[in-house]
Structures are given as C-alpha cells and as structure tokens.
Amino acid sequence: MMNQHGKKSDNHVNGIREHIRLAPRILETVKGKLSLGARILQQGGMKRIFKQLFQVTEGEKLLKASQCYLSTTAGPIAGLLFISTKRVAFCSETSIKFPSPNGESVRFHYKVSIALRKIRE
C-alpha cells in the first residue's frame, strides 16, 4: 500500500516539475495565438486573409483554416493552414530571411499551395 502511494507521489512531483519546465513555452504559445487572433480580426477574418494571400479562383471557397506548424528541414514554421474547395495552402505567420543571389538577405512569407487535383491523382 505504501509503495503505491509513493509511486503516485513521484508521478505527481514529476508532473509538476514538467509543468514548471514547460511553462515559459506554453506562455509564448498562448501569447502567439492571442496575437494571431488579434491580427485575424484586424484583417477581416480568415476568408479575407486567404483571398489576400492566394489567388482565389472563381467558385473556390474556403472550407477550413487553422493555425499549425509546417515541418521543414530547417525546423518547424508557424503559420496558417487553409483548406479550400480547390487547394490546401500554407502561409507562415512571420516573414523568413533568405539569402538573395547578390548576397543580401531578403525577407518574405513562406507560402505553399497544392491543388487538390494533384493530391487525388
């Protein structure tokens, strides 16, 4: 009986320790989500952002949009994932710095768009 209580106590202590260790990351995540939410409201909603970021064709409708991370060889990139009637698209939340051919750095948003017809084939 004592042994079971001891294990439960150890599990609770480890859980608290892990929570404290992760707290700064969680706070950063919450701040980022709140900031993104405010930007979405300021820009008129997800549908409007989708139309501004990507060339929307006639009859194309946004079905779902959510915040996500795109996994790349350079590491995860935070951004918005859009699913429409014609494509799956991603745009990074912040601009990313890339080297240009002339040696200077250029900043732009990382965007990916894949037509659904290409996925279904």
PDB file of N, CA and C in Angstrom:
ATOM      1  N   MET A   1       0.820  -1.187   0.000  1.00  0.00           N
ATOM      2  CA  MET A   1       0.000   0.000   0.000  1.00  0.00           C
ATOM      3  C   MET A   1       0.874   1.265   0.000  1.00  0.00           C
ATOM      4  N   MET A   2       1.890   1.306   0.833  1.00  0.00           N
ATOM      5  CA  MET A   2       2.784   2.461   0.892  1.00  0.00           C
ATOM      6  C   MET A   2       3.489   2.662  -0.446  1.00  0.00           C
ATOM      7  N   ASN A   3       3.875   1.545  -1.069  1.00  0.00           N
ATOM      8  CA  ASN A   3       4.588   1.610  -2.323  1.00  0.00           C
ATOM      9  C   ASN A   3       3.738   2.277  -3.411  1.00  0.00           C
ATOM     10  N   GLN A   4       2.448   1.951  -3.472  1.00  0.00           N
ATOM     11  CA  GLN A   4       1.551   2.554  -4.457  1.00  0.00           C
ATOM     12  C   GLN A   4       1.417   4.054  -4.230  1.00  0.00           C
ATOM     13  N   HIS A   5       1.314   4.465  -2.965  1.00  0.00           N
ATOM     14  CA  HIS A   5       1.208   5.902  -2.662  1.00  0.00           C
ATOM     15  C   HIS A   5       2.504   6.616  -3.018  1.00  0.00           C
ATOM     16  N   GLY A   6       3.613   5.937  -2.763  1.00  0.00           N
ATOM     17  CA  GLY A   6       4.911   6.520  -3.109  1.00  0.00           C
ATOM     18  C   GLY A   6       5.034   6.751  -4.608  1.00  0.00           C
ATOM     19  N   LYS A   7       4.587   5.785  -5.416  1.00  0.00           N
ATOM     20  CA  LYS A   7       4.625   5.922  -6.871  1.00  0.00           C
ATOM     21  C   LYS A   7       3.717   7.057  -7.335  1.00  0.00           C
ATOM     22  N   LYS A   8       2.534   7.156  -6.717  1.00  0.00           N
ATOM     23  CA  LYS A   8       1.609   8.235  -7.078  1.00  0.00           C
ATOM     24  C   LYS A   8       2.227   9.587  -6.762  1.00  0.00           C
ATOM     25  N   SER A   9       2.882   9.694  -5.613  1.00  0.00           N
ATOM     26  CA  SER A   9       3.536  10.945  -5.230  1.00  0.00           C
ATOM     27  C   SER A   9       4.635  11.296  -6.213  1.00  0.00           C
ATOM     28  N   ASP A  10       5.440  10.290  -6.586  1.00  0.00           N
ATOM     29  CA  ASP A  10       6.508  10.530  -7.554  1.00  0.00           C
ATOM     30  C   ASP A  10       5.937  11.002  -8.891  1.00  0.00           C
ATOM     31  N   ASN A  11       4.842  10.386  -9.324  1.00  0.00           N
ATOM     32  CA  ASN A  11       4.214  10.787 -10.581  1.00  0.00           C
ATOM     33  C   ASN A  11       3.708  12.227 -10.510  1.00  0.00           C
ATOM     34  N   HIS A  12       3.112  12.610  -9.391  1.00  0.00           N
ATOM     35  CA  HIS A  12       2.627  13.985  -9.223  1.00  0.00           C
ATOM     36  C   HIS A  12       3.784  14.971  -9.216  1.00  0.00           C
ATOM     37  N   VAL A  13       4.864  14.633  -8.515  1.00  0.00           N
ATOM     38  CA  VAL A  13       6.042  15.515  -8.450  1.00  0.00           C
ATOM     39  C   VAL A  13       6.634  15.670  -9.850  1.00  0.00           C
ATOM     40  N   ASN A  14       6.765  14.572 -10.587  1.00  0.00           N
ATOM     41  CA  ASN A  14       7.300  14.650 -11.951  1.00  0.00           C
ATOM     42  C   ASN A  14       6.383  15.473 -12.849  1.00  0.00           C
ATOM     43  N   GLY A  15       5.072  15.335 -12.686  1.00  0.00           N
ATOM     44  CA  GLY A  15       4.125  16.122 -13.462  1.00  0.00           C
ATOM     45  C   GLY A  15       4.252  17.613 -13.180  1.00  0.00           C
ATOM     46  N   ILE A  16       4.401  17.962 -11.915  1.00  0.00           N
ATOM     47  CA  ILE A  16       4.568  19.374 -11.529  1.00  0.00           C
ATOM     48  C   ILE A  16       5.887  19.907 -12.081  1.00  0.00           C
ATOM     49  N   ARG A  17       6.943  19.109 -11.962  1.00  0.00           N
ATOM     50  CA  ARG A  17       8.256  19.524 -12.469  1.00  0.00           C
ATOM     51  C   ARG A  17       8.188  19.765 -13.975  1.00  0.00           C
ATOM     52  N   GLU A  18       7.533  18.886 -14.714  1.00  0.00           N
ATOM     53  CA  GLU A  18       7.398  19.023 -16.159  1.00  0.00           C
ATOM     54  C   GLU A  18       6.563  20.257 -16.504  1.00  0.00           C
ATOM     55  N   HIS A  19       5.509  20.504 -15.754  1.00  0.00           N
ATOM     56  CA  HIS A  19       4.658  21.677 -15.978  1.00  0.00           C
ATOM     57  C   HIS A  19       5.462  22.961 -15.790  1.00  0.00           C
ATOM     58  N   ILE A  20       6.260  23.018 -14.751  1.00  0.00           N
ATOM     59  CA  ILE A  20       7.074  24.212 -14.484  1.00  0.00           C
ATOM     60  C   ILE A  20       8.112  24.401 -15.580  1.00  0.00           C
ATOM     61  N   ARG A  21       8.704  23.303 -16.038  1.00  0.00           N
ATOM     62  CA  ARG A  21       9.720  23.372 -17.087  1.00  0.00           C
ATOM     63  C   ARG A  21       9.107  23.865 -18.400  1.00  0.00           C
ATOM     64  N   LEU A  22       7.894  23.468 -18.696  1.00  0.00           N
ATOM     65  CA  LEU A  22       7.242  23.836 -19.951  1.00  0.00           C
ATOM     66  C   LEU A  22       6.507  25.174 -19.890  1.00  0.00           C
ATOM     67  N   ALA A  23       6.313  25.718 -18.712  1.00  0.00           N
ATOM     68  CA  ALA A  23       5.510  26.937 -18.545  1.00  0.00           C
ATOM     69  C   ALA A  23       5.948  28.085 -19.456  1.00  0.00           C
ATOM     70  N   PRO A  24       7.248  28.419 -19.572  1.00  0.00           N
ATOM     71  CA  PRO A  24       7.614  29.522 -20.461  1.00  0.00           C
ATOM     72  C   PRO A  24       7.207  29.261 -21.913  1.00  0.00           C
ATOM     73  N   ARG A  25       7.345  28.027 -22.388  1.00  0.00           N
ATOM     74  CA  ARG A  25       6.953  27.703 -23.759  1.00  0.00           C
ATOM     75  C   ARG A  25       5.443  27.835 -23.935  1.00  0.00           C
ATOM     76  N   ILE A  26       4.704  27.397 -22.943  1.00  0.00           N
ATOM     77  CA  ILE A  26       3.247  27.486 -23.019  1.00  0.00           C
ATOM     78  C   ILE A  26       2.820  28.946 -23.064  1.00  0.00           C
ATOM     79  N   LEU A  27       3.443  29.776 -22.239  1.00  0.00           N
ATOM     80  CA  LEU A  27       3.111  31.207 -22.241  1.00  0.00           C
ATOM     81  C   LEU A  27       3.426  31.838 -23.595  1.00  0.00           C
ATOM     82  N   GLU A  28       4.556  31.477 -24.188  1.00  0.00           N
ATOM     83  CA  GLU A  28       4.903  32.003 -25.513  1.00  0.00           C
ATOM     84  C   GLU A  28       3.871  31.566 -26.547  1.00  0.00           C
ATOM     85  N   THR A  29       3.445  30.324 -26.468  1.00  0.00           N
ATOM     86  CA  THR A  29       2.446  29.800 -27.398  1.00  0.00           C
ATOM     87  C   THR A  29       1.126  30.540 -27.255  1.00  0.00           C
ATOM     88  N   VAL A  30       0.687  30.742 -26.013  1.00  0.00           N
ATOM     89  CA  VAL A  30      -0.571  31.452 -25.764  1.00  0.00           C
ATOM     90  C   VAL A  30      -0.477  32.890 -26.269  1.00  0.00           C
ATOM     91  N   LYS A  31       0.648  33.560 -26.005  1.00  0.00           N
ATOM     92  CA  LYS A  31       0.832  34.930 -26.496  1.00  0.00           C
ATOM     93  C   LYS A  31       0.767  34.968 -28.020  1.00  0.00           C
ATOM     94  N   GLY A  32       1.401  34.002 -28.665  1.00  0.00           N
ATOM     95  CA  GLY A  32       1.399  33.940 -30.120  1.00  0.00           C
ATOM     96  C   GLY A  32       0.003  33.731 -30.679  1.00  0.00           C
ATOM     97  N   LYS A  33      -0.757  32.836 -30.040  1.00  0.00           N
ATOM     98  CA  LYS A  33      -2.126  32.568 -30.508  1.00  0.00           C
ATOM     99  C   LYS A  33      -3.014  33.794 -30.326  1.00  0.00           C
ATOM    100  N   LEU A  34      -2.868  34.492 -29.205  1.00  0.00           N
ATOM    101  CA  LEU A  34      -3.664  35.703 -28.979  1.00  0.00           C
ATOM    102  C   LEU A  34      -3.292  36.790 -29.980  1.00  0.00           C
ATOM    103  N   SER A  35      -2.007  36.927 -30.242  1.00  0.00           N
ATOM    104  CA  SER A  35      -1.544  37.916 -31.207  1.00  0.00           C
ATOM    105  C   SER A  35      -2.073  37.597 -32.597  1.00  0.00           C
ATOM    106  N   LEU A  36      -2.023  36.337 -32.980  1.00  0.00           N
ATOM    107  CA  LEU A  36      -2.544  35.930 -34.281  1.00  0.00           C
ATOM    108  C   LEU A  36      -4.044  36.179 -34.363  1.00  0.00           C
ATOM    109  N   GLY A  37      -4.775  35.859 -33.308  1.00  0.00           N
ATOM    110  CA  GLY A  37      -6.213  36.099 -33.274  1.00  0.00           C
ATOM    111  C   GLY A  37      -6.544  37.561 -33.478  1.00  0.00           C
ATOM    112  N   ALA A  38      -5.770  38.433 -32.837  1.00  0.00           N
ATOM    113  CA  ALA A  38      -5.987  39.874 -32.995  1.00  0.00           C
ATOM    114  C   ALA A  38      -5.723  40.300 -34.440  1.00  0.00           C
ATOM    115  N   ARG A  39      -4.656  39.779 -35.055  1.00  0.00           N
ATOM    116  CA  ARG A  39      -4.347  40.121 -36.446  1.00  0.00           C
ATOM    117  C   ARG A  39      -5.440  39.641 -37.394  1.00  0.00           C
ATOM    118  N   ILE A  40      -5.975  38.445 -37.121  1.00  0.00           N
ATOM    119  CA  ILE A  40      -7.051  37.910 -37.974  1.00  0.00           C
ATOM    120  C   ILE A  40      -8.272  38.813 -37.910  1.00  0.00           C
ATOM    121  N   LEU A  41      -8.620  39.261 -36.710  1.00  0.00           N
ATOM    122  CA  LEU A  41      -9.760  40.174 -36.558  1.00  0.00           C
ATOM    123  C   LEU A  41      -9.503  41.506 -37.258  1.00  0.00           C
ATOM    124  N   GLN A  42      -8.283  42.041 -37.107  1.00  0.00           N
ATOM    125  CA  GLN A  42      -7.945  43.324 -37.721  1.00  0.00           C
ATOM    126  C   GLN A  42      -8.019  43.260 -39.247  1.00  0.00           C
ATOM    127  N   GLN A  43      -7.660  42.114 -39.814  1.00  0.00           N
ATOM    128  CA  GLN A  43      -7.622  41.989 -41.269  1.00  0.00           C
ATOM    129  C   GLN A  43      -8.951  41.527 -41.868  1.00  0.00           C
ATOM    130  N   GLY A  44      -9.945  41.293 -41.029  1.00  0.00           N
ATOM    131  CA  GLY A  44     -11.274  40.978 -41.540  1.00  0.00           C
ATOM    132  C   GLY A  44     -11.627  39.507 -41.601  1.00  0.00           C
ATOM    133  N   GLY A  45     -10.894  38.669 -40.911  1.00  0.00           N
ATOM    134  CA  GLY A  45     -11.230  37.247 -40.851  1.00  0.00           C
ATOM    135  C   GLY A  45     -10.389  36.378 -41.764  1.00  0.00           C
ATOM    136  N   MET A  46     -10.527  35.072 -41.568  1.00  0.00           N
ATOM    137  CA  MET A  46      -9.722  34.092 -42.304  1.00  0.00           C
ATOM    138  C   MET A  46     -10.006  34.105 -43.801  1.00  0.00           C
ATOM    139  N   LYS A  47     -11.266  34.260 -44.190  1.00  0.00           N
ATOM    140  CA  LYS A  47     -11.601  34.257 -45.621  1.00  0.00           C
ATOM    141  C   LYS A  47     -10.893  35.397 -46.348  1.00  0.00           C
ATOM    142  N   ARG A  48     -10.896  36.539 -45.727  1.00  0.00           N
ATOM    143  CA  ARG A  48     -10.253  37.704 -46.348  1.00  0.00           C
ATOM    144  C   ARG A  48      -8.740  37.520 -46.418  1.00  0.00           C
ATOM    145  N   ILE A  49      -8.158  36.980 -45.350  1.00  0.00           N
ATOM    146  CA  ILE A  49      -6.706  36.720 -45.346  1.00  0.00           C
ATOM    147  C   ILE A  49      -6.357  35.732 -46.457  1.00  0.00           C
ATOM    148  N   PHE A  50      -7.152  34.675 -46.592  1.00  0.00           N
ATOM    149  CA  PHE A  50      -6.929  33.675 -47.640  1.00  0.00           C
ATOM    150  C   PHE A  50      -6.955  34.328 -49.020  1.00  0.00           C
ATOM    151  N   LYS A  51      -7.935  35.173 -49.262  1.00  0.00           N
ATOM    152  CA  LYS A  51      -8.062  35.846 -50.559  1.00  0.00           C
ATOM    153  C   LYS A  51      -6.889  36.794 -50.814  1.00  0.00           C
ATOM    154  N   GLN A  52      -6.383  37.441 -49.749  1.00  0.00           N
ATOM    155  CA  GLN A  52      -5.255  38.363 -49.903  1.00  0.00           C
ATOM    156  C   GLN A  52      -3.946  37.613 -50.177  1.00  0.00           C
ATOM    157  N   LEU A  53      -3.783  36.446 -49.564  1.00  0.00           N
ATOM    158  CA  LEU A  53      -2.521  35.712 -49.689  1.00  0.00           C
ATOM    159  C   LEU A  53      -2.402  34.891 -50.963  1.00  0.00           C
ATOM    160  N   PHE A  54      -3.523  34.354 -51.437  1.00  0.00           N
ATOM    161  CA  PHE A  54      -3.507  33.432 -52.571  1.00  0.00           C
ATOM    162  C   PHE A  54      -4.483  33.903 -53.644  1.00  0.00           C
ATOM    163  N   GLN A  55      -4.158  33.629 -54.891  1.00  0.00           N
ATOM    164  CA  GLN A  55      -5.064  33.984 -55.987  1.00  0.00           C
ATOM    165  C   GLN A  55      -6.247  33.014 -55.948  1.00  0.00           C
ATOM    166  N   VAL A  56      -7.368  33.495 -55.489  1.00  0.00           N
ATOM    167  CA  VAL A  56      -8.563  32.662 -55.364  1.00  0.00           C
ATOM    168  C   VAL A  56      -9.288  32.669 -56.704  1.00  0.00           C
ATOM    169  N   THR A  57      -9.565  31.467 -57.183  1.00  0.00           N
ATOM    170  CA  THR A  57     -10.244  31.340 -58.477  1.00  0.00           C
ATOM    171  C   THR A  57     -11.758  31.400 -58.287  1.00  0.00           C
ATOM    172  N   GLU A  58     -12.451  31.625 -59.378  1.00  0.00           N
ATOM    173  CA  GLU A  58     -13.911  31.707 -59.331  1.00  0.00           C
ATOM    174  C   GLU A  58     -14.484  30.378 -58.842  1.00  0.00           C
ATOM    175  N   GLY A  59     -15.400  30.455 -57.902  1.00  0.00           N
ATOM    176  CA  GLY A  59     -16.040  29.267 -57.358  1.00  0.00           C
ATOM    177  C   GLY A  59     -15.278  28.606 -56.206  1.00  0.00           C
ATOM    178  N   GLU A  60     -14.074  29.066 -55.943  1.00  0.00           N
ATOM    179  CA  GLU A  60     -13.291  28.486 -54.841  1.00  0.00           C
ATOM    180  C   GLU A  60     -13.783  29.045 -53.510  1.00  0.00           C
ATOM    181  N   LYS A  61     -14.004  28.158 -52.556  1.00  0.00           N
ATOM    182  CA  LYS A  61     -14.482  28.576 -51.238  1.00  0.00           C
ATOM    183  C   LYS A  61     -13.574  28.002 -50.157  1.00  0.00           C
ATOM    184  N   LEU A  62     -13.313  28.814 -49.147  1.00  0.00           N
ATOM    185  CA  LEU A  62     -12.513  28.370 -48.006  1.00  0.00           C
ATOM    186  C   LEU A  62     -13.378  27.468 -47.132  1.00  0.00           C
ATOM    187  N   LEU A  63     -12.895  26.255 -46.881  1.00  0.00           N
ATOM    188  CA  LEU A  63     -13.640  25.304 -46.061  1.00  0.00           C
ATOM    189  C   LEU A  63     -13.184  25.320 -44.609  1.00  0.00           C
ATOM    190  N   LYS A  64     -11.881  25.408 -44.399  1.00  0.00           N
ATOM    191  CA  LYS A  64     -11.332  25.327 -43.044  1.00  0.00           C
ATOM    192  C   LYS A  64     -10.007  26.066 -43.015  1.00  0.00           C
ATOM    193  N   ALA A  65      -9.736  26.710 -41.892  1.00  0.00           N
ATOM    194  CA  ALA A  65      -8.448  27.379 -41.687  1.00  0.00           C
ATOM    195  C   ALA A  65      -8.050  27.179 -40.230  1.00  0.00           C
ATOM    196  N   SER A  66      -6.781  26.918 -40.013  1.00  0.00           N
ATOM    197  CA  SER A  66      -6.318  26.757 -38.637  1.00  0.00           C
ATOM    198  C   SER A  66      -4.834  27.075 -38.539  1.00  0.00           C
ATOM    199  N   GLN A  67      -4.420  27.344 -37.327  1.00  0.00           N
ATOM    200  CA  GLN A  67      -3.020  27.613 -37.048  1.00  0.00           C
ATOM    201  C   GLN A  67      -2.292  26.281 -36.952  1.00  0.00           C
ATOM    202  N   CYS A  68      -1.097  26.209 -37.529  1.00  0.00           N
ATOM    203  CA  CYS A  68      -0.343  24.959 -37.476  1.00  0.00           C
ATOM    204  C   CYS A  68       1.147  25.240 -37.641  1.00  0.00           C
ATOM    205  N   TYR A  69       1.934  24.188 -37.608  1.00  0.00           N
ATOM    206  CA  TYR A  69       3.369  24.260 -37.867  1.00  0.00           C
ATOM    207  C   TYR A  69       3.678  23.384 -39.060  1.00  0.00           C
ATOM    208  N   LEU A  70       4.413  23.931 -40.015  1.00  0.00           N
ATOM    209  CA  LEU A  70       4.860  23.182 -41.175  1.00  0.00           C
ATOM    210  C   LEU A  70       6.262  22.684 -40.873  1.00  0.00           C
ATOM    211  N   SER A  71       6.471  21.395 -40.987  1.00  0.00           N
ATOM    212  CA  SER A  71       7.774  20.812 -40.699  1.00  0.00           C
ATOM    213  C   SER A  71       8.681  20.950 -41.920  1.00  0.00           C
ATOM    214  N   THR A  72       9.842  21.566 -41.732  1.00  0.00           N
ATOM    215  CA  THR A  72      10.816  21.729 -42.815  1.00  0.00           C
ATOM    216  C   THR A  72      12.171  21.217 -42.340  1.00  0.00           C
ATOM    217  N   THR A  73      13.104  21.099 -43.258  1.00  0.00           N
ATOM    218  CA  THR A  73      14.452  20.658 -42.878  1.00  0.00           C
ATOM    219  C   THR A  73      15.131  21.682 -41.979  1.00  0.00           C
ATOM    220  N   ALA A  74      14.711  22.943 -42.055  1.00  0.00           N
ATOM    221  CA  ALA A  74      15.267  23.995 -41.201  1.00  0.00           C
ATOM    222  C   ALA A  74      14.556  24.081 -39.852  1.00  0.00           C
ATOM    223  N   GLY A  75      13.515  23.277 -39.664  1.00  0.00           N
ATOM    224  CA  GLY A  75      12.754  23.303 -38.423  1.00  0.00           C
ATOM    225  C   GLY A  75      11.311  23.692 -38.681  1.00  0.00           C
ATOM    226  N   PRO A  76      10.485  23.654 -37.645  1.00  0.00           N
ATOM    227  CA  PRO A  76       9.063  23.976 -37.827  1.00  0.00           C
ATOM    228  C   PRO A  76       8.836  25.457 -38.101  1.00  0.00           C
ATOM    229  N   ILE A  77       7.851  25.731 -38.958  1.00  0.00           N
ATOM    230  CA  ILE A  77       7.476  27.113 -39.277  1.00  0.00           C
ATOM    231  C   ILE A  77       6.019  27.296 -38.885  1.00  0.00           C
ATOM    232  N   ALA A  78       5.762  28.256 -37.996  1.00  0.00           N
ATOM    233  CA  ALA A  78       4.394  28.546 -37.563  1.00  0.00           C
ATOM    234  C   ALA A  78       3.663  29.309 -38.656  1.00  0.00           C
ATOM    235  N   GLY A  79       2.390  28.962 -38.848  1.00  0.00           N
ATOM    236  CA  GLY A  79       1.619  29.659 -39.859  1.00  0.00           C
ATOM    237  C   GLY A  79       0.172  29.245 -39.873  1.00  0.00           C
ATOM    238  N   LEU A  80      -0.484  29.565 -40.963  1.00  0.00           N
ATOM    239  CA  LEU A  80      -1.897  29.255 -41.142  1.00  0.00           C
ATOM    240  C   LEU A  80      -2.062  28.225 -42.245  1.00  0.00           C
ATOM    241  N   LEU A  81      -2.869  27.225 -41.986  1.00  0.00           N
ATOM    242  CA  LEU A  81      -3.194  26.196 -42.963  1.00  0.00           C
ATOM    243  C   LEU A  81      -4.610  26.463 -43.460  1.00  0.00           C
ATOM    244  N   PHE A  82      -4.761  26.530 -44.773  1.00  0.00           N
ATOM    245  CA  PHE A  82      -6.062  26.776 -45.393  1.00  0.00           C
ATOM    246  C   PHE A  82      -6.446  25.564 -46.228  1.00  0.00           C
ATOM    247  N   ILE A  83      -7.697  25.147 -46.110  1.00  0.00           N
ATOM    248  CA  ILE A  83      -8.229  24.087 -46.959  1.00  0.00           C
ATOM    249  C   ILE A  83      -9.437  24.678 -47.677  1.00  0.00           C
ATOM    250  N   SER A  84      -9.355  24.687 -48.990  1.00  0.00           N
ATOM    251  CA  SER A  84     -10.455  25.234 -49.787  1.00  0.00           C
ATOM    252  C   SER A  84     -11.028  24.125 -50.661  1.00  0.00           C
ATOM    253  N   THR A  85     -11.998  24.493 -51.475  1.00  0.00           N
ATOM    254  CA  THR A  85     -12.608  23.519 -52.378  1.00  0.00           C
ATOM    255  C   THR A  85     -11.652  23.138 -53.505  1.00  0.00           C
ATOM    256  N   LYS A  86     -10.545  23.888 -53.688  1.00  0.00           N
ATOM    257  CA  LYS A  86      -9.618  23.618 -54.786  1.00  0.00           C
ATOM    258  C   LYS A  86      -8.162  23.404 -54.384  1.00  0.00           C
ATOM    259  N   ARG A  87      -7.816  23.676 -53.111  1.00  0.00           N
ATOM    260  CA  ARG A  87      -6.407  23.547 -52.724  1.00  0.00           C
ATOM    261  C   ARG A  87      -6.211  23.401 -51.225  1.00  0.00           C
ATOM    262  N   VAL A  88      -5.003  23.016 -50.870  1.00  0.00           N
ATOM    263  CA  VAL A  88      -4.507  23.070 -49.492  1.00  0.00           C
ATOM    264  C   VAL A  88      -3.361  24.065 -49.554  1.00  0.00           C
ATOM    265  N   ALA A  89      -3.367  25.055 -48.661  1.00  0.00           N
ATOM    266  CA  ALA A  89      -2.359  26.107 -48.716  1.00  0.00           C
ATOM    267  C   ALA A  89      -1.847  26.444 -47.315  1.00  0.00           C
ATOM    268  N   PHE A  90      -0.616  26.931 -47.267  1.00  0.00           N
ATOM    269  CA  PHE A  90       0.028  27.322 -46.011  1.00  0.00           C
ATOM    270  C   PHE A  90       0.741  28.641 -46.228  1.00  0.00           C
ATOM    271  N   CYS A  91       0.692  29.504 -45.217  1.00  0.00           N
ATOM    272  CA  CYS A  91       1.467  30.746 -45.225  1.00  0.00           C
ATOM    273  C   CYS A  91       2.031  30.967 -43.828  1.00  0.00           C
ATOM    274  N   SER A  92       3.330  31.264 -43.751  1.00  0.00           N
ATOM    275  CA  SER A  92       3.971  31.479 -42.453  1.00  0.00           C
ATOM    276  C   SER A  92       3.420  32.734 -41.784  1.00  0.00           C
ATOM    277  N   GLU A  93       3.402  32.723 -40.456  1.00  0.00           N
ATOM    278  CA  GLU A  93       2.905  33.875 -39.693  1.00  0.00           C
ATOM    279  C   GLU A  93       3.851  35.063 -39.804  1.00  0.00           C
ATOM    280  N   THR A  94       5.125  34.797 -39.776  1.00  0.00           N
ATOM    281  CA  THR A  94       6.121  35.866 -39.853  1.00  0.00           C
ATOM    282  C   THR A  94       6.968  35.664 -41.104  1.00  0.00           C
ATOM    283  N   SER A  95       7.627  36.716 -41.528  1.00  0.00           N
ATOM    284  CA  SER A  95       8.487  36.602 -42.698  1.00  0.00           C
ATOM    285  C   SER A  95       9.772  35.862 -42.317  1.00  0.00           C
ATOM    286  N   ILE A  96      10.344  35.209 -43.302  1.00  0.00           N
ATOM    287  CA  ILE A  96      11.545  34.404 -43.106  1.00  0.00           C
ATOM    288  C   ILE A  96      12.662  35.020 -43.928  1.00  0.00           C
ATOM    289  N   LYS A  97      13.870  35.022 -43.377  1.00  0.00           N
ATOM    290  CA  LYS A  97      15.011  35.620 -44.050  1.00  0.00           C
ATOM    291  C   LYS A  97      15.693  34.573 -44.933  1.00  0.00           C
ATOM    292  N   PHE A  98      15.881  34.929 -46.227  1.00  0.00           N
ATOM    293  CA  PHE A  98      16.562  34.069 -47.184  1.00  0.00           C
ATOM    294  C   PHE A  98      17.685  34.857 -47.841  1.00  0.00           C
ATOM    295  N   PRO A  99      18.791  34.205 -48.155  1.00  0.00           N
ATOM    296  CA  PRO A  99      19.863  34.913 -48.880  1.00  0.00           C
ATOM    297  C   PRO A  99      19.469  35.118 -50.338  1.00  0.00           C
ATOM    298  N   SER A 100      19.784  36.282 -50.884  1.00  0.00           N
ATOM    299  CA  SER A 100      19.488  36.561 -52.290  1.00  0.00           C
ATOM    300  C   SER A 100      20.753  36.321 -53.116  1.00  0.00           C
ATOM    301  N   PRO A 101      20.624  36.237 -54.438  1.00  0.00           N
ATOM    302  CA  PRO A 101      21.803  35.991 -55.291  1.00  0.00           C
ATOM    303  C   PRO A 101      22.896  37.057 -55.157  1.00  0.00           C
ATOM    304  N   ASN A 102      22.502  38.305 -54.823  1.00  0.00           N
ATOM    305  CA  ASN A 102      23.502  39.365 -54.704  1.00  0.00           C
ATOM    306  C   ASN A 102      24.158  39.403 -53.312  1.00  0.00           C
ATOM    307  N   GLY A 103      23.810  38.452 -52.450  1.00  0.00           N
ATOM    308  CA  GLY A 103      24.456  38.355 -51.143  1.00  0.00           C
ATOM    309  C   GLY A 103      23.700  39.000 -49.997  1.00  0.00           C
ATOM    310  N   GLU A 104      22.696  39.809 -50.316  1.00  0.00           N
ATOM    311  CA  GLU A 104      21.900  40.439 -49.268  1.00  0.00           C
ATOM    312  C   GLU A 104      20.782  39.492 -48.828  1.00  0.00           C
ATOM    313  N   SER A 105      20.252  39.750 -47.651  1.00  0.00           N
ATOM    314  CA  SER A 105      19.131  38.943 -47.158  1.00  0.00           C
ATOM    315  C   SER A 105      17.807  39.559 -47.585  1.00  0.00           C
ATOM    316  N   VAL A 106      16.879  38.689 -47.950  1.00  0.00           N
ATOM    317  CA  VAL A 106      15.542  39.112 -48.355  1.00  0.00           C
ATOM    318  C   VAL A 106      14.550  38.432 -47.420  1.00  0.00           C
ATOM    319  N   ARG A 107      13.537  39.175 -46.983  1.00  0.00           N
ATOM    320  CA  ARG A 107      12.522  38.611 -46.091  1.00  0.00           C
ATOM    321  C   ARG A 107      11.198  38.494 -46.835  1.00  0.00           C
ATOM    322  N   PHE A 108      10.583  37.320 -46.723  1.00  0.00           N
ATOM    323  CA  PHE A 108       9.242  37.153 -47.275  1.00  0.00           C
ATOM    324  C   PHE A 108       8.550  36.003 -46.562  1.00  0.00           C
ATOM    325  N   HIS A 109       7.232  35.945 -46.718  1.00  0.00           N
ATOM    326  CA  HIS A 109       6.443  34.885 -46.093  1.00  0.00           C
ATOM    327  C   HIS A 109       6.616  33.591 -46.875  1.00  0.00           C
ATOM    328  N   TYR A 110       6.737  32.499 -46.151  1.00  0.00           N
ATOM    329  CA  TYR A 110       6.864  31.172 -46.750  1.00  0.00           C
ATOM    330  C   TYR A 110       5.472  30.691 -47.117  1.00  0.00           C
ATOM    331  N   LYS A 111       5.217  30.489 -48.408  1.00  0.00           N
ATOM    332  CA  LYS A 111       3.886  30.082 -48.856  1.00  0.00           C
ATOM    333  C   LYS A 111       3.971  28.804 -49.683  1.00  0.00           C
ATOM    334  N   VAL A 112       2.995  27.935 -49.464  1.00  0.00           N
ATOM    335  CA  VAL A 112       2.878  26.686 -50.214  1.00  0.00           C
ATOM    336  C   VAL A 112       1.415  26.535 -50.611  1.00  0.00           C
ATOM    337  N   SER A 113       1.167  26.121 -51.842  1.00  0.00           N
ATOM    338  CA  SER A 113      -0.191  25.879 -52.304  1.00  0.00           C
ATOM    339  C   SER A 113      -0.190  24.622 -53.169  1.00  0.00           C
ATOM    340  N   ILE A 114      -1.028  23.654 -52.818  1.00  0.00           N
ATOM    341  CA  ILE A 114      -1.114  22.400 -53.564  1.00  0.00           C
ATOM    342  C   ILE A 114      -2.555  22.208 -54.021  1.00  0.00           C
ATOM    343  N   ALA A 115      -2.732  22.075 -55.333  1.00  0.00           N
ATOM    344  CA  ALA A 115      -4.073  21.851 -55.896  1.00  0.00           C
ATOM    345  C   ALA A 115      -4.578  20.478 -55.465  1.00  0.00           C
ATOM    346  N   LEU A 116      -5.853  20.407 -55.095  1.00  0.00           N
ATOM    347  CA  LEU A 116      -6.433  19.134 -54.662  1.00  0.00           C
ATOM    348  C   LEU A 116      -6.371  18.084 -55.775  1.00  0.00           C
ATOM    349  N   ARG A 117      -6.484  18.505 -57.031  1.00  0.00           N
ATOM    350  CA  ARG A 117      -6.433  17.542 -58.143  1.00  0.00           C
ATOM    351  C   ARG A 117      -5.077  16.854 -58.197  1.00  0.00           C
ATOM    352  N   LYS A 118      -4.013  17.520 -57.730  1.00  0.00           N
ATOM    353  CA  LYS A 118      -2.674  16.913 -57.687  1.00  0.00           C
ATOM    354  C   LYS A 118      -2.574  15.890 -56.556  1.00  0.00           C
ATOM    355  N   ILE A 119      -3.306  16.112 -55.488  1.00  0.00           N
ATOM    356  CA  ILE A 119      -3.276  15.207 -54.343  1.00  0.00           C
ATOM    357  C   ILE A 119      -4.086  13.953 -54.644  1.00  0.00           C
ATOM    358  N   ARG A 120      -5.183  14.100 -55.319  1.00  0.00           N
ATOM    359  CA  ARG A 120      -6.095  12.994 -55.602  1.00  0.00           C
ATOM    360  C   ARG A 120      -5.551  12.031 -56.656  1.00  0.00           C
ATOM    361  N   GLU A 121      -4.665  12.498 -57.524  1.00  0.00           N
ATOM    362  CA  GLU A 121      -4.158  11.648 -58.608  1.00  0.00           C
ATOM    363  C   GLU A 121      -3.317  10.519 -58.097  1.00  0.00           C
TER     364      GLU A 121
END
